[in-house]
mmCIF file of all heavy atoms, coordinates in Angstrom:
data_MODEL
# 
_entry.id   MODEL 
# 
loop_
_atom_site.group_PDB 
_atom_site.id 
_atom_site.type_symbol 
_atom_site.label_atom_id 
_atom_site.label_alt_id 
_atom_site.label_comp_id 
_atom_site.label_asym_id 
_atom_site.label_entity_id 
_atom_site.label_seq_id 
_atom_site.pdbx_PDB_ins_code 
_atom_site.Cartn_x 
_atom_site.Cartn_y 
_atom_site.Cartn_z 
_atom_site.occupancy 
_atom_site.B_iso_or_equiv 
_atom_site.pdbx_formal_charge 
_atom_site.auth_seq_id 
_atom_site.auth_comp_id 
_atom_site.auth_asym_id 
_atom_site.auth_atom_id 
_atom_site.pdbx_PDB_model_num 
ATOM 1   N N   . ASP A 1 1  ? 116.503 112.876 94.678  1.00 0.00 ? 1  ASP A N   1 
ATOM 2   C CA  . ASP A 1 1  ? 117.870 112.860 95.172  1.00 0.00 ? 1  ASP A CA  1 
ATOM 3   C C   . ASP A 1 1  ? 118.752 112.630 93.954  1.00 0.00 ? 1  ASP A C   1 
ATOM 4   O O   . ASP A 1 1  ? 118.855 111.499 93.457  1.00 0.00 ? 1  ASP A O   1 
ATOM 5   C CB  . ASP A 1 1  ? 118.038 111.744 96.207  1.00 0.00 ? 1  ASP A CB  1 
ATOM 6   C CG  . ASP A 1 1  ? 119.419 111.718 96.833  1.00 0.00 ? 1  ASP A CG  1 
ATOM 7   O OD1 . ASP A 1 1  ? 120.376 112.201 96.191  1.00 0.00 ? 1  ASP A OD1 1 
ATOM 8   O OD2 . ASP A 1 1  ? 119.543 111.204 97.952  1.00 0.00 ? 1  ASP A OD2 1 
ATOM 9   N N   . ASN A 1 2  ? 119.356 113.690 93.454  1.00 0.00 ? 2  ASN A N   1 
ATOM 10  C CA  . ASN A 1 2  ? 120.153 113.574 92.228  1.00 0.00 ? 2  ASN A CA  1 
ATOM 11  C C   . ASN A 1 2  ? 121.366 112.667 92.419  1.00 0.00 ? 2  ASN A C   1 
ATOM 12  O O   . ASN A 1 2  ? 121.795 111.994 91.479  1.00 0.00 ? 2  ASN A O   1 
ATOM 13  C CB  . ASN A 1 2  ? 120.598 114.956 91.751  1.00 0.00 ? 2  ASN A CB  1 
ATOM 14  C CG  . ASN A 1 2  ? 119.442 115.768 91.168  1.00 0.00 ? 2  ASN A CG  1 
ATOM 15  O OD1 . ASN A 1 2  ? 118.470 115.199 90.667  1.00 0.00 ? 2  ASN A OD1 1 
ATOM 16  N ND2 . ASN A 1 2  ? 119.543 117.075 91.234  1.00 0.00 ? 2  ASN A ND2 1 
ATOM 17  N N   . ALA A 1 3  ? 121.921 112.637 93.605  1.00 0.00 ? 3  ALA A N   1 
ATOM 18  C CA  . ALA A 1 3  ? 123.086 111.781 93.851  1.00 0.00 ? 3  ALA A CA  1 
ATOM 19  C C   . ALA A 1 3  ? 122.717 110.304 93.731  1.00 0.00 ? 3  ALA A C   1 
ATOM 20  O O   . ALA A 1 3  ? 123.542 109.474 93.347  1.00 0.00 ? 3  ALA A O   1 
ATOM 21  C CB  . ALA A 1 3  ? 123.659 112.072 95.228  1.00 0.00 ? 3  ALA A CB  1 
ATOM 22  N N   . LYS A 1 4  ? 121.465 109.988 94.042  1.00 0.00 ? 4  LYS A N   1 
ATOM 23  C CA  . LYS A 1 4  ? 120.996 108.603 93.978  1.00 0.00 ? 4  LYS A CA  1 
ATOM 24  C C   . LYS A 1 4  ? 120.160 108.335 92.735  1.00 0.00 ? 4  LYS A C   1 
ATOM 25  O O   . LYS A 1 4  ? 119.679 107.216 92.546  1.00 0.00 ? 4  LYS A O   1 
ATOM 26  C CB  . LYS A 1 4  ? 120.174 108.262 95.221  1.00 0.00 ? 4  LYS A CB  1 
ATOM 27  C CG  . LYS A 1 4  ? 120.946 108.315 96.529  1.00 0.00 ? 4  LYS A CG  1 
ATOM 28  C CD  . LYS A 1 4  ? 120.053 107.945 97.705  1.00 0.00 ? 4  LYS A CD  1 
ATOM 29  C CE  . LYS A 1 4  ? 120.827 107.959 99.010  1.00 0.00 ? 4  LYS A CE  1 
ATOM 30  N NZ  . LYS A 1 4  ? 119.951 107.611 100.172 1.00 0.00 ? 4  LYS A NZ  1 
ATOM 31  N N   . ASN A 1 5  ? 119.961 109.360 91.911  1.00 0.00 ? 5  ASN A N   1 
ATOM 32  C CA  . ASN A 1 5  ? 119.101 109.220 90.720  1.00 0.00 ? 5  ASN A CA  1 
ATOM 33  C C   . ASN A 1 5  ? 117.758 108.614 91.081  1.00 0.00 ? 5  ASN A C   1 
ATOM 34  O O   . ASN A 1 5  ? 117.251 107.705 90.405  1.00 0.00 ? 5  ASN A O   1 
ATOM 35  C CB  . ASN A 1 5  ? 119.794 108.374 89.644  1.00 0.00 ? 5  ASN A CB  1 
ATOM 36  C CG  . ASN A 1 5  ? 121.030 109.044 89.088  1.00 0.00 ? 5  ASN A CG  1 
ATOM 37  O OD1 . ASN A 1 5  ? 121.029 110.240 88.794  1.00 0.00 ? 5  ASN A OD1 1 
ATOM 38  N ND2 . ASN A 1 5  ? 122.106 108.296 88.959  1.00 0.00 ? 5  ASN A ND2 1 
ATOM 39  N N   . THR A 1 6  ? 117.195 109.108 92.149  1.00 0.00 ? 6  THR A N   1 
ATOM 40  C CA  . THR A 1 6  ? 115.948 108.571 92.673  1.00 0.00 ? 6  THR A CA  1 
ATOM 41  C C   . THR A 1 6  ? 114.918 109.689 92.824  1.00 0.00 ? 6  THR A C   1 
ATOM 42  O O   . THR A 1 6  ? 115.255 110.785 93.286  1.00 0.00 ? 6  THR A O   1 
ATOM 43  C CB  . THR A 1 6  ? 116.171 107.882 94.023  1.00 0.00 ? 6  THR A CB  1 
ATOM 44  O OG1 . THR A 1 6  ? 117.098 106.803 93.836  1.00 0.00 ? 6  THR A OG1 1 
ATOM 45  C CG2 . THR A 1 6  ? 114.871 107.322 94.587  1.00 0.00 ? 6  THR A CG2 1 
ATOM 46  N N   . VAL A 1 7  ? 113.698 109.383 92.432  1.00 0.00 ? 7  VAL A N   1 
ATOM 47  C CA  . VAL A 1 7  ? 112.594 110.323 92.589  1.00 0.00 ? 7  VAL A CA  1 
ATOM 48  C C   . VAL A 1 7  ? 111.569 109.703 93.529  1.00 0.00 ? 7  VAL A C   1 
ATOM 49  O O   . VAL A 1 7  ? 111.377 108.480 93.540  1.00 0.00 ? 7  VAL A O   1 
ATOM 50  C CB  . VAL A 1 7  ? 111.959 110.678 91.230  1.00 0.00 ? 7  VAL A CB  1 
ATOM 51  C CG1 . VAL A 1 7  ? 111.324 109.465 90.564  1.00 0.00 ? 7  VAL A CG1 1 
ATOM 52  C CG2 . VAL A 1 7  ? 110.946 111.811 91.372  1.00 0.00 ? 7  VAL A CG2 1 
ATOM 53  N N   . TYR A 1 8  ? 110.960 110.551 94.319  1.00 0.00 ? 8  TYR A N   1 
ATOM 54  C CA  . TYR A 1 8  ? 109.969 110.116 95.295  1.00 0.00 ? 8  TYR A CA  1 
ATOM 55  C C   . TYR A 1 8  ? 108.677 110.915 95.071  1.00 0.00 ? 8  TYR A C   1 
ATOM 56  O O   . TYR A 1 8  ? 108.713 112.048 94.612  1.00 0.00 ? 8  TYR A O   1 
ATOM 57  C CB  . TYR A 1 8  ? 110.448 110.375 96.723  1.00 0.00 ? 8  TYR A CB  1 
ATOM 58  C CG  . TYR A 1 8  ? 111.826 109.856 97.016  1.00 0.00 ? 8  TYR A CG  1 
ATOM 59  C CD1 . TYR A 1 8  ? 112.945 110.674 96.849  1.00 0.00 ? 8  TYR A CD1 1 
ATOM 60  C CD2 . TYR A 1 8  ? 112.029 108.558 97.469  1.00 0.00 ? 8  TYR A CD2 1 
ATOM 61  C CE1 . TYR A 1 8  ? 114.221 110.212 97.120  1.00 0.00 ? 8  TYR A CE1 1 
ATOM 62  C CE2 . TYR A 1 8  ? 113.299 108.088 97.748  1.00 0.00 ? 8  TYR A CE2 1 
ATOM 63  C CZ  . TYR A 1 8  ? 114.389 108.921 97.572  1.00 0.00 ? 8  TYR A CZ  1 
ATOM 64  O OH  . TYR A 1 8  ? 115.640 108.448 97.844  1.00 0.00 ? 8  TYR A OH  1 
ATOM 65  N N   . VAL A 1 9  ? 107.579 110.304 95.479  1.00 0.00 ? 9  VAL A N   1 
ATOM 66  C CA  . VAL A 1 9  ? 106.347 111.069 95.588  1.00 0.00 ? 9  VAL A CA  1 
ATOM 67  C C   . VAL A 1 9  ? 105.668 110.668 96.893  1.00 0.00 ? 9  VAL A C   1 
ATOM 68  O O   . VAL A 1 9  ? 105.378 109.493 97.126  1.00 0.00 ? 9  VAL A O   1 
ATOM 69  C CB  . VAL A 1 9  ? 105.424 110.892 94.360  1.00 0.00 ? 9  VAL A CB  1 
ATOM 70  C CG1 . VAL A 1 9  ? 104.968 109.461 94.175  1.00 0.00 ? 9  VAL A CG1 1 
ATOM 71  C CG2 . VAL A 1 9  ? 104.234 111.836 94.456  1.00 0.00 ? 9  VAL A CG2 1 
ATOM 72  N N   . GLN A 1 10 ? 105.489 111.648 97.741  1.00 0.00 ? 10 GLN A N   1 
ATOM 73  C CA  . GLN A 1 10 ? 104.770 111.445 98.988  1.00 0.00 ? 10 GLN A CA  1 
ATOM 74  C C   . GLN A 1 10 ? 103.304 111.758 98.719  1.00 0.00 ? 10 GLN A C   1 
ATOM 75  O O   . GLN A 1 10 ? 102.970 112.872 98.306  1.00 0.00 ? 10 GLN A O   1 
ATOM 76  C CB  . GLN A 1 10 ? 105.325 112.369 100.072 1.00 0.00 ? 10 GLN A CB  1 
ATOM 77  C CG  . GLN A 1 10 ? 104.580 112.293 101.389 1.00 0.00 ? 10 GLN A CG  1 
ATOM 78  C CD  . GLN A 1 10 ? 104.747 110.963 102.084 1.00 0.00 ? 10 GLN A CD  1 
ATOM 79  O OE1 . GLN A 1 10 ? 105.835 110.399 102.101 1.00 0.00 ? 10 GLN A OE1 1 
ATOM 80  N NE2 . GLN A 1 10 ? 103.669 110.442 102.659 1.00 0.00 ? 10 GLN A NE2 1 
ATOM 81  N N   . MET A 1 11 ? 102.455 110.786 98.961  1.00 0.00 ? 11 MET A N   1 
ATOM 82  C CA  . MET A 1 11 ? 101.034 110.940 98.657  1.00 0.00 ? 11 MET A CA  1 
ATOM 83  C C   . MET A 1 11 ? 100.247 110.925 99.957  1.00 0.00 ? 11 MET A C   1 
ATOM 84  O O   . MET A 1 11 ? 100.215 109.904 100.655 1.00 0.00 ? 11 MET A O   1 
ATOM 85  C CB  . MET A 1 11 ? 100.570 109.806 97.727  1.00 0.00 ? 11 MET A CB  1 
ATOM 86  C CG  . MET A 1 11 ? 101.398 109.689 96.457  1.00 0.00 ? 11 MET A CG  1 
ATOM 87  S SD  . MET A 1 11 ? 100.773 108.480 95.289  1.00 0.00 ? 11 MET A SD  1 
ATOM 88  C CE  . MET A 1 11 ? 100.997 106.970 96.202  1.00 0.00 ? 11 MET A CE  1 
ATOM 89  N N   . ASN A 1 12 ? 99.654  112.043 100.281 1.00 0.00 ? 12 ASN A N   1 
ATOM 90  C CA  . ASN A 1 12 ? 98.872  112.184 101.501 1.00 0.00 ? 12 ASN A CA  1 
ATOM 91  C C   . ASN A 1 12 ? 97.405  112.398 101.161 1.00 0.00 ? 12 ASN A C   1 
ATOM 92  O O   . ASN A 1 12 ? 97.056  112.717 100.018 1.00 0.00 ? 12 ASN A O   1 
ATOM 93  C CB  . ASN A 1 12 ? 99.388  113.370 102.325 1.00 0.00 ? 12 ASN A CB  1 
ATOM 94  C CG  . ASN A 1 12 ? 100.818 113.199 102.776 1.00 0.00 ? 12 ASN A CG  1 
ATOM 95  O OD1 . ASN A 1 12 ? 101.279 112.088 103.019 1.00 0.00 ? 12 ASN A OD1 1 
ATOM 96  N ND2 . ASN A 1 12 ? 101.526 114.309 102.902 1.00 0.00 ? 12 ASN A ND2 1 
ATOM 97  N N   . SER A 1 13 ? 96.566  112.233 102.152 1.00 0.00 ? 13 SER A N   1 
ATOM 98  C CA  . SER A 1 13 ? 95.118  112.434 101.981 1.00 0.00 ? 13 SER A CA  1 
ATOM 99  C C   . SER A 1 13 ? 94.598  111.695 100.755 1.00 0.00 ? 13 SER A C   1 
ATOM 100 O O   . SER A 1 13 ? 93.867  112.249 99.927  1.00 0.00 ? 13 SER A O   1 
ATOM 101 C CB  . SER A 1 13 ? 94.806  113.935 101.864 1.00 0.00 ? 13 SER A CB  1 
ATOM 102 O OG  . SER A 1 13 ? 95.258  114.638 102.996 1.00 0.00 ? 13 SER A OG  1 
ATOM 103 N N   . LEU A 1 14 ? 94.993  110.453 100.643 1.00 0.00 ? 14 LEU A N   1 
ATOM 104 C CA  . LEU A 1 14 ? 94.631  109.675 99.468  1.00 0.00 ? 14 LEU A CA  1 
ATOM 105 C C   . LEU A 1 14 ? 93.132  109.453 99.372  1.00 0.00 ? 14 LEU A C   1 
ATOM 106 O O   . LEU A 1 14 ? 92.436  109.305 100.394 1.00 0.00 ? 14 LEU A O   1 
ATOM 107 C CB  . LEU A 1 14 ? 95.365  108.339 99.470  1.00 0.00 ? 14 LEU A CB  1 
ATOM 108 C CG  . LEU A 1 14 ? 96.844  108.435 99.063  1.00 0.00 ? 14 LEU A CG  1 
ATOM 109 C CD1 . LEU A 1 14 ? 97.624  107.218 99.510  1.00 0.00 ? 14 LEU A CD1 1 
ATOM 110 C CD2 . LEU A 1 14 ? 96.965  108.632 97.560  1.00 0.00 ? 14 LEU A CD2 1 
ATOM 111 N N   . LYS A 1 15 ? 92.662  109.439 98.128  1.00 0.00 ? 15 LYS A N   1 
ATOM 112 C CA  . LYS A 1 15 ? 91.249  109.259 97.843  1.00 0.00 ? 15 LYS A CA  1 
ATOM 113 C C   . LYS A 1 15 ? 91.062  108.004 96.997  1.00 0.00 ? 15 LYS A C   1 
ATOM 114 O O   . LYS A 1 15 ? 91.995  107.591 96.292  1.00 0.00 ? 15 LYS A O   1 
ATOM 115 C CB  . LYS A 1 15 ? 90.718  110.456 97.055  1.00 0.00 ? 15 LYS A CB  1 
ATOM 116 C CG  . LYS A 1 15 ? 90.945  111.800 97.720  1.00 0.00 ? 15 LYS A CG  1 
ATOM 117 C CD  . LYS A 1 15 ? 90.505  112.929 96.800  1.00 0.00 ? 15 LYS A CD  1 
ATOM 118 C CE  . LYS A 1 15 ? 90.751  114.284 97.442  1.00 0.00 ? 15 LYS A CE  1 
ATOM 119 N NZ  . LYS A 1 15 ? 90.325  115.406 96.545  1.00 0.00 ? 15 LYS A NZ  1 
ATOM 120 N N   . PRO A 1 16 ? 89.891  107.399 97.028  1.00 0.00 ? 16 PRO A N   1 
ATOM 121 C CA  . PRO A 1 16 ? 89.665  106.220 96.176  1.00 0.00 ? 16 PRO A CA  1 
ATOM 122 C C   . PRO A 1 16 ? 89.971  106.495 94.699  1.00 0.00 ? 16 PRO A C   1 
ATOM 123 O O   . PRO A 1 16 ? 90.467  105.600 94.001  1.00 0.00 ? 16 PRO A O   1 
ATOM 124 C CB  . PRO A 1 16 ? 88.181  105.921 96.397  1.00 0.00 ? 16 PRO A CB  1 
ATOM 125 C CG  . PRO A 1 16 ? 87.917  106.387 97.783  1.00 0.00 ? 16 PRO A CG  1 
ATOM 126 C CD  . PRO A 1 16 ? 88.757  107.633 97.933  1.00 0.00 ? 16 PRO A CD  1 
ATOM 127 N N   . GLU A 1 17 ? 89.726  107.708 94.257  1.00 0.00 ? 17 GLU A N   1 
ATOM 128 C CA  . GLU A 1 17 ? 90.003  108.035 92.845  1.00 0.00 ? 17 GLU A CA  1 
ATOM 129 C C   . GLU A 1 17 ? 91.495  108.131 92.532  1.00 0.00 ? 17 GLU A C   1 
ATOM 130 O O   . GLU A 1 17 ? 91.877  108.271 91.374  1.00 0.00 ? 17 GLU A O   1 
ATOM 131 C CB  . GLU A 1 17 ? 89.296  109.336 92.433  1.00 0.00 ? 17 GLU A CB  1 
ATOM 132 C CG  . GLU A 1 17 ? 89.537  110.509 93.352  1.00 0.00 ? 17 GLU A CG  1 
ATOM 133 C CD  . GLU A 1 17 ? 88.417  110.697 94.361  1.00 0.00 ? 17 GLU A CD  1 
ATOM 134 O OE1 . GLU A 1 17 ? 87.957  109.683 94.945  1.00 0.00 ? 17 GLU A OE1 1 
ATOM 135 O OE2 . GLU A 1 17 ? 88.026  111.853 94.594  1.00 0.00 ? 17 GLU A OE2 1 
ATOM 136 N N   . ASP A 1 18 ? 92.344  108.042 93.539  1.00 0.00 ? 18 ASP A N   1 
ATOM 137 C CA  . ASP A 1 18 ? 93.791  107.983 93.303  1.00 0.00 ? 18 ASP A CA  1 
ATOM 138 C C   . ASP A 1 18 ? 94.241  106.558 92.970  1.00 0.00 ? 18 ASP A C   1 
ATOM 139 O O   . ASP A 1 18 ? 95.405  106.348 92.607  1.00 0.00 ? 18 ASP A O   1 
ATOM 140 C CB  . ASP A 1 18 ? 94.554  108.470 94.527  1.00 0.00 ? 18 ASP A CB  1 
ATOM 141 C CG  . ASP A 1 18 ? 94.358  109.949 94.807  1.00 0.00 ? 18 ASP A CG  1 
ATOM 142 O OD1 . ASP A 1 18 ? 94.375  110.740 93.848  1.00 0.00 ? 18 ASP A OD1 1 
ATOM 143 O OD2 . ASP A 1 18 ? 94.200  110.307 95.995  1.00 0.00 ? 18 ASP A OD2 1 
ATOM 144 N N   . SER A 1 19 ? 93.346  105.603 93.107  1.00 0.00 ? 19 SER A N   1 
ATOM 145 C CA  . SER A 1 19 ? 93.695  104.212 92.818  1.00 0.00 ? 19 SER A CA  1 
ATOM 146 C C   . SER A 1 19 ? 94.072  104.059 91.349  1.00 0.00 ? 19 SER A C   1 
ATOM 147 O O   . SER A 1 19 ? 93.329  104.481 90.463  1.00 0.00 ? 19 SER A O   1 
ATOM 148 C CB  . SER A 1 19 ? 92.526  103.288 93.149  1.00 0.00 ? 19 SER A CB  1 
ATOM 149 O OG  . SER A 1 19 ? 92.216  103.316 94.525  1.00 0.00 ? 19 SER A OG  1 
ATOM 150 N N   . ALA A 1 20 ? 95.204  103.441 91.120  1.00 0.00 ? 20 ALA A N   1 
ATOM 151 C CA  . ALA A 1 20 ? 95.712  103.276 89.752  1.00 0.00 ? 20 ALA A CA  1 
ATOM 152 C C   . ALA A 1 20 ? 97.043  102.539 89.808  1.00 0.00 ? 20 ALA A C   1 
ATOM 153 O O   . ALA A 1 20 ? 97.603  102.339 90.895  1.00 0.00 ? 20 ALA A O   1 
ATOM 154 C CB  . ALA A 1 20 ? 95.899  104.637 89.074  1.00 0.00 ? 20 ALA A CB  1 
ATOM 155 N N   . VAL A 1 21 ? 97.529  102.183 88.648  1.00 0.00 ? 21 VAL A N   1 
ATOM 156 C CA  . VAL A 1 21 ? 98.915  101.747 88.542  1.00 0.00 ? 21 VAL A CA  1 
ATOM 157 C C   . VAL A 1 21 ? 99.752  103.004 88.304  1.00 0.00 ? 21 VAL A C   1 
ATOM 158 O O   . VAL A 1 21 ? 99.460  103.796 87.398  1.00 0.00 ? 21 VAL A O   1 
ATOM 159 C CB  . VAL A 1 21 ? 99.117  100.745 87.395  1.00 0.00 ? 21 VAL A CB  1 
ATOM 160 C CG1 . VAL A 1 21 ? 100.594 100.354 87.289  1.00 0.00 ? 21 VAL A CG1 1 
ATOM 161 C CG2 . VAL A 1 21 ? 98.258  99.500  87.621  1.00 0.00 ? 21 VAL A CG2 1 
ATOM 162 N N   . TYR A 1 22 ? 100.744 103.176 89.125  1.00 0.00 ? 22 TYR A N   1 
ATOM 163 C CA  . TYR A 1 22 ? 101.610 104.351 89.029  1.00 0.00 ? 22 TYR A CA  1 
ATOM 164 C C   . TYR A 1 22 ? 102.913 103.957 88.340  1.00 0.00 ? 22 TYR A C   1 
ATOM 165 O O   . TYR A 1 22 ? 103.561 102.976 88.726  1.00 0.00 ? 22 TYR A O   1 
ATOM 166 C CB  . TYR A 1 22 ? 101.889 104.919 90.420  1.00 0.00 ? 22 TYR A CB  1 
ATOM 167 C CG  . TYR A 1 22 ? 100.728 105.717 90.968  1.00 0.00 ? 22 TYR A CG  1 
ATOM 168 C CD1 . TYR A 1 22 ? 99.539  105.081 91.335  1.00 0.00 ? 22 TYR A CD1 1 
ATOM 169 C CD2 . TYR A 1 22 ? 100.791 107.098 91.096  1.00 0.00 ? 22 TYR A CD2 1 
ATOM 170 C CE1 . TYR A 1 22 ? 98.458  105.805 91.821  1.00 0.00 ? 22 TYR A CE1 1 
ATOM 171 C CE2 . TYR A 1 22 ? 99.727  107.836 91.579  1.00 0.00 ? 22 TYR A CE2 1 
ATOM 172 C CZ  . TYR A 1 22 ? 98.566  107.180 91.932  1.00 0.00 ? 22 TYR A CZ  1 
ATOM 173 O OH  . TYR A 1 22 ? 97.489  107.904 92.406  1.00 0.00 ? 22 TYR A OH  1 
ATOM 174 N N   . TYR A 1 23 ? 103.268 104.753 87.340  1.00 0.00 ? 23 TYR A N   1 
ATOM 175 C CA  . TYR A 1 23 ? 104.456 104.493 86.550  1.00 0.00 ? 23 TYR A CA  1 
ATOM 176 C C   . TYR A 1 23 ? 105.456 105.627 86.699  1.00 0.00 ? 23 TYR A C   1 
ATOM 177 O O   . TYR A 1 23 ? 105.093 106.804 86.644  1.00 0.00 ? 23 TYR A O   1 
ATOM 178 C CB  . TYR A 1 23 ? 104.110 104.361 85.065  1.00 0.00 ? 23 TYR A CB  1 
ATOM 179 C CG  . TYR A 1 23 ? 103.213 103.205 84.728  1.00 0.00 ? 23 TYR A CG  1 
ATOM 180 C CD1 . TYR A 1 23 ? 101.829 103.344 84.705  1.00 0.00 ? 23 TYR A CD1 1 
ATOM 181 C CD2 . TYR A 1 23 ? 103.751 101.955 84.403  1.00 0.00 ? 23 TYR A CD2 1 
ATOM 182 C CE1 . TYR A 1 23 ? 100.998 102.293 84.387  1.00 0.00 ? 23 TYR A CE1 1 
ATOM 183 C CE2 . TYR A 1 23 ? 102.933 100.893 84.081  1.00 0.00 ? 23 TYR A CE2 1 
ATOM 184 C CZ  . TYR A 1 23 ? 101.556 101.068 84.080  1.00 0.00 ? 23 TYR A CZ  1 
ATOM 185 O OH  . TYR A 1 23 ? 100.749 100.018 83.761  1.00 0.00 ? 23 TYR A OH  1 
ATOM 186 N N   . CYS A 1 24 ? 106.697 105.268 86.834  1.00 0.00 ? 24 CYS A N   1 
ATOM 187 C CA  . CYS A 1 24 ? 107.783 106.236 86.842  1.00 0.00 ? 24 CYS A CA  1 
ATOM 188 C C   . CYS A 1 24 ? 108.276 106.418 85.412  1.00 0.00 ? 24 CYS A C   1 
ATOM 189 O O   . CYS A 1 24 ? 108.354 105.448 84.643  1.00 0.00 ? 24 CYS A O   1 
ATOM 190 C CB  . CYS A 1 24 ? 108.899 105.714 87.736  1.00 0.00 ? 24 CYS A CB  1 
ATOM 191 S SG  . CYS A 1 24 ? 110.382 106.752 87.788  1.00 0.00 ? 24 CYS A SG  1 
ATOM 192 N N   . LYS A 1 25 ? 108.599 107.638 85.060  1.00 0.00 ? 25 LYS A N   1 
ATOM 193 C CA  . LYS A 1 25 ? 109.127 107.932 83.729  1.00 0.00 ? 25 LYS A CA  1 
ATOM 194 C C   . LYS A 1 25 ? 110.381 108.767 83.855  1.00 0.00 ? 25 LYS A C   1 
ATOM 195 O O   . LYS A 1 25 ? 110.451 109.712 84.644  1.00 0.00 ? 25 LYS A O   1 
ATOM 196 C CB  . LYS A 1 25 ? 108.091 108.690 82.905  1.00 0.00 ? 25 LYS A CB  1 
ATOM 197 C CG  . LYS A 1 25 ? 108.554 109.059 81.497  1.00 0.00 ? 25 LYS A CG  1 
ATOM 198 C CD  . LYS A 1 25 ? 107.494 109.895 80.781  1.00 0.00 ? 25 LYS A CD  1 
ATOM 199 C CE  . LYS A 1 25 ? 107.942 110.338 79.410  1.00 0.00 ? 25 LYS A CE  1 
ATOM 200 N NZ  . LYS A 1 25 ? 106.949 111.215 78.753  1.00 0.00 ? 25 LYS A NZ  1 
ATOM 201 N N   . TYR A 1 26 ? 111.361 108.407 83.058  1.00 0.00 ? 26 TYR A N   1 
ATOM 202 C CA  . TYR A 1 26 ? 112.612 109.169 82.955  1.00 0.00 ? 26 TYR A CA  1 
ATOM 203 C C   . TYR A 1 26 ? 112.704 109.732 81.542  1.00 0.00 ? 26 TYR A C   1 
ATOM 204 O O   . TYR A 1 26 ? 112.525 109.015 80.557  1.00 0.00 ? 26 TYR A O   1 
ATOM 205 C CB  . TYR A 1 26 ? 113.794 108.249 83.243  1.00 0.00 ? 26 TYR A CB  1 
ATOM 206 C CG  . TYR A 1 26 ? 115.140 108.831 82.847  1.00 0.00 ? 26 TYR A CG  1 
ATOM 207 C CD1 . TYR A 1 26 ? 115.928 109.497 83.767  1.00 0.00 ? 26 TYR A CD1 1 
ATOM 208 C CD2 . TYR A 1 26 ? 115.621 108.709 81.535  1.00 0.00 ? 26 TYR A CD2 1 
ATOM 209 C CE1 . TYR A 1 26 ? 117.148 110.031 83.405  1.00 0.00 ? 26 TYR A CE1 1 
ATOM 210 C CE2 . TYR A 1 26 ? 116.830 109.247 81.165  1.00 0.00 ? 26 TYR A CE2 1 
ATOM 211 C CZ  . TYR A 1 26 ? 117.601 109.904 82.106  1.00 0.00 ? 26 TYR A CZ  1 
ATOM 212 O OH  . TYR A 1 26 ? 118.801 110.449 81.737  1.00 0.00 ? 26 TYR A OH  1 
ATOM 213 N N   . SER A 1 27 ? 112.994 111.023 81.445  1.00 0.00 ? 27 SER A N   1 
ATOM 214 C CA  . SER A 1 27 ? 113.175 111.666 80.146  1.00 0.00 ? 27 SER A CA  1 
ATOM 215 C C   . SER A 1 27 ? 114.519 112.376 80.158  1.00 0.00 ? 27 SER A C   1 
ATOM 216 O O   . SER A 1 27 ? 114.765 113.241 81.002  1.00 0.00 ? 27 SER A O   1 
ATOM 217 C CB  . SER A 1 27 ? 112.064 112.679 79.883  1.00 0.00 ? 27 SER A CB  1 
ATOM 218 O OG  . SER A 1 27 ? 110.801 112.058 79.865  1.00 0.00 ? 27 SER A OG  1 
ATOM 219 N N   . GLY A 1 28 ? 115.364 112.015 79.194  1.00 0.00 ? 28 GLY A N   1 
ATOM 220 C CA  . GLY A 1 28 ? 116.661 112.666 79.102  1.00 0.00 ? 28 GLY A CA  1 
ATOM 221 C C   . GLY A 1 28 ? 117.333 112.325 77.800  1.00 0.00 ? 28 GLY A C   1 
ATOM 222 O O   . GLY A 1 28 ? 117.155 111.218 77.271  1.00 0.00 ? 28 GLY A O   1 
ATOM 223 N N   . ASN A 1 29 ? 118.085 113.271 77.264  1.00 0.00 ? 29 ASN A N   1 
ATOM 224 C CA  . ASN A 1 29 ? 118.808 113.048 76.011  1.00 0.00 ? 29 ASN A CA  1 
ATOM 225 C C   . ASN A 1 29 ? 117.853 112.588 74.909  1.00 0.00 ? 29 ASN A C   1 
ATOM 226 O O   . ASN A 1 29 ? 118.203 111.692 74.129  1.00 0.00 ? 29 ASN A O   1 
ATOM 227 C CB  . ASN A 1 29 ? 119.940 112.028 76.217  1.00 0.00 ? 29 ASN A CB  1 
ATOM 228 C CG  . ASN A 1 29 ? 120.981 112.097 75.132  1.00 0.00 ? 29 ASN A CG  1 
ATOM 229 O OD1 . ASN A 1 29 ? 121.158 113.125 74.477  1.00 0.00 ? 29 ASN A OD1 1 
ATOM 230 N ND2 . ASN A 1 29 ? 121.671 110.988 74.916  1.00 0.00 ? 29 ASN A ND2 1 
# 
């Protein structure tokens, strides 16, 4: 949502191998 400067990730059918620490990254300028 660019108006809110927010990014989402919907994660479905999760598997044990998806277990991790998830980090958000912003790249600009």
